[in-house]
Amino acid sequence: MWFQQEIHLPEMGRGFHLITDDVARALPCLNDVHIGMLHLQLMHTSALVNAQ
């Protein structure tokens, strides 16, 4: 199953920010997924994601 959706997160200042809760709120369908991969594409050139 493939699923694609564009989401928008609120602007945040410089520094490190945890976005897990923001992504989970924007994608409630993730509650039904038990195994999978989430790919995030950042549209801002100075943004970086560090996932663990």
N, C-alpha and C. Protein backbone atom coordinates (compact mmCIF):
# COMPACT_ATOMS: atom_id res chain seq x y z
N MET A 1 0.85 -1.18 0.00
CA MET A 1 0.00 0.00 0.00
C MET A 1 0.89 1.24 0.00
N TRP A 2 0.59 2.18 -0.87
CA TRP A 2 1.30 3.45 -0.92
C TRP A 2 0.34 4.55 -0.51
N PHE A 3 0.87 5.52 0.19
CA PHE A 3 0.06 6.65 0.62
C PHE A 3 0.92 7.89 0.50
N GLN A 4 0.38 8.94 -0.07
CA GLN A 4 1.13 10.19 -0.21
C GLN A 4 0.24 11.34 0.19
N GLN A 5 0.79 12.25 0.96
CA GLN A 5 0.02 13.42 1.38
C GLN A 5 0.99 14.56 1.66
N GLU A 6 0.58 15.75 1.30
CA GLU A 6 1.38 16.93 1.61
C GLU A 6 0.86 17.52 2.91
N ILE A 7 1.77 17.81 3.83
CA ILE A 7 1.38 18.44 5.09
C ILE A 7 2.22 19.70 5.28
N HIS A 8 1.72 20.59 6.08
CA HIS A 8 2.43 21.84 6.38
C HIS A 8 2.59 21.94 7.89
N LEU A 9 3.80 22.18 8.32
CA LEU A 9 4.09 22.34 9.74
C LEU A 9 4.24 23.82 10.05
N PRO A 10 3.99 24.22 11.29
CA PRO A 10 4.13 25.63 11.64
C PRO A 10 5.59 26.07 11.54
N GLU A 11 5.79 27.36 11.27
CA GLU A 11 7.14 27.89 11.24
C GLU A 11 7.77 27.79 12.62
N MET A 12 9.04 27.47 12.63
CA MET A 12 9.77 27.35 13.88
C MET A 12 11.07 28.14 13.75
N GLY A 13 11.54 28.64 14.84
CA GLY A 13 12.80 29.39 14.83
C GLY A 13 13.98 28.47 14.61
N ARG A 14 15.14 29.06 14.63
CA ARG A 14 16.37 28.29 14.45
C ARG A 14 16.53 27.30 15.59
N GLY A 15 17.25 26.22 15.32
CA GLY A 15 17.52 25.23 16.35
C GLY A 15 16.93 23.88 15.99
N PHE A 16 16.94 22.99 16.94
CA PHE A 16 16.43 21.63 16.76
C PHE A 16 14.99 21.57 17.28
N HIS A 17 14.14 20.91 16.53
CA HIS A 17 12.73 20.81 16.91
C HIS A 17 12.24 19.38 16.68
N LEU A 18 11.56 18.83 17.65
CA LEU A 18 10.94 17.52 17.51
C LEU A 18 9.60 17.72 16.79
N ILE A 19 9.43 17.03 15.67
CA ILE A 19 8.21 17.21 14.88
C ILE A 19 7.34 15.95 14.87
N THR A 20 7.68 14.97 15.68
CA THR A 20 6.93 13.71 15.69
C THR A 20 5.44 13.94 15.95
N ASP A 21 5.11 14.71 16.97
CA ASP A 21 3.70 14.95 17.30
C ASP A 21 2.99 15.72 16.19
N ASP A 22 3.68 16.68 15.57
CA ASP A 22 3.08 17.45 14.48
C ASP A 22 2.76 16.54 13.29
N VAL A 23 3.69 15.65 12.95
CA VAL A 23 3.47 14.73 11.83
C VAL A 23 2.35 13.75 12.17
N ALA A 24 2.33 13.24 13.39
CA ALA A 24 1.29 12.29 13.80
C ALA A 24 -0.09 12.95 13.77
N ARG A 25 -0.19 14.21 14.18
CA ARG A 25 -1.48 14.91 14.13
C ARG A 25 -1.92 15.15 12.68
N ALA A 26 -0.97 15.44 11.81
CA ALA A 26 -1.30 15.71 10.41
C ALA A 26 -1.65 14.44 9.64
N LEU A 27 -1.18 13.29 10.13
CA LEU A 27 -1.41 12.02 9.44
C LEU A 27 -2.03 11.00 10.39
N PRO A 28 -3.29 11.19 10.78
CA PRO A 28 -3.92 10.25 11.72
C PRO A 28 -4.02 8.83 11.17
N CYS A 29 -3.93 8.67 9.85
CA CYS A 29 -3.99 7.33 9.26
C CYS A 29 -2.78 6.49 9.66
N LEU A 30 -1.74 7.11 10.19
CA LEU A 30 -0.56 6.35 10.62
C LEU A 30 -0.89 5.42 11.79
N ASN A 31 -1.96 5.69 12.50
CA ASN A 31 -2.36 4.82 13.62
C ASN A 31 -2.69 3.41 13.15
N ASP A 32 -3.07 3.27 11.87
CA ASP A 32 -3.43 1.96 11.32
C ASP A 32 -2.23 1.21 10.74
N VAL A 33 -1.07 1.84 10.71
CA VAL A 33 0.13 1.23 10.11
C VAL A 33 0.96 0.59 11.22
N HIS A 34 1.31 -0.68 11.03
CA HIS A 34 2.11 -1.38 12.03
C HIS A 34 3.57 -1.48 11.61
N ILE A 35 3.82 -1.62 10.33
CA ILE A 35 5.18 -1.70 9.80
C ILE A 35 5.23 -0.85 8.54
N GLY A 36 6.29 -0.06 8.40
CA GLY A 36 6.39 0.75 7.19
C GLY A 36 7.53 1.73 7.28
N MET A 37 7.61 2.56 6.28
CA MET A 37 8.64 3.60 6.21
C MET A 37 7.96 4.93 5.92
N LEU A 38 8.47 5.97 6.53
CA LEU A 38 7.96 7.32 6.30
C LEU A 38 9.07 8.14 5.68
N HIS A 39 8.80 8.70 4.51
CA HIS A 39 9.77 9.55 3.83
C HIS A 39 9.25 10.99 3.91
N LEU A 40 10.10 11.89 4.35
CA LEU A 40 9.74 13.30 4.41
C LEU A 40 10.59 14.07 3.40
N GLN A 41 9.95 14.89 2.60
CA GLN A 41 10.67 15.76 1.68
C GLN A 41 10.52 17.18 2.20
N LEU A 42 11.63 17.81 2.47
CA LEU A 42 11.61 19.17 2.98
C LEU A 42 11.74 20.14 1.82
N MET A 43 10.83 21.07 1.75
CA MET A 43 10.83 22.00 0.63
C MET A 43 11.71 23.22 0.89
N HIS A 44 12.19 23.39 2.10
CA HIS A 44 13.02 24.55 2.43
C HIS A 44 14.48 24.15 2.33
N THR A 45 15.28 24.96 1.68
CA THR A 45 16.67 24.59 1.40
C THR A 45 17.56 24.56 2.63
N SER A 46 17.17 25.24 3.70
CA SER A 46 18.03 25.26 4.88
C SER A 46 17.53 24.33 5.99
N ALA A 47 16.54 23.50 5.69
CA ALA A 47 15.99 22.59 6.69
C ALA A 47 16.68 21.24 6.61
N LEU A 48 16.69 20.52 7.73
CA LEU A 48 17.32 19.21 7.80
C LEU A 48 16.51 18.34 8.74
N VAL A 49 16.36 17.06 8.39
CA VAL A 49 15.69 16.10 9.27
C VAL A 49 16.70 15.08 9.73
N ASN A 50 16.70 14.82 11.02
CA ASN A 50 17.52 13.76 11.60
C ASN A 50 16.56 12.79 12.27
N ALA A 51 16.35 11.64 11.66
CA ALA A 51 15.40 10.66 12.18
C ALA A 51 16.14 9.52 12.85
N GLN A 52 15.59 9.06 13.96
CA GLN A 52 16.19 7.93 14.68
C GLN A 52 15.15 6.89 14.94
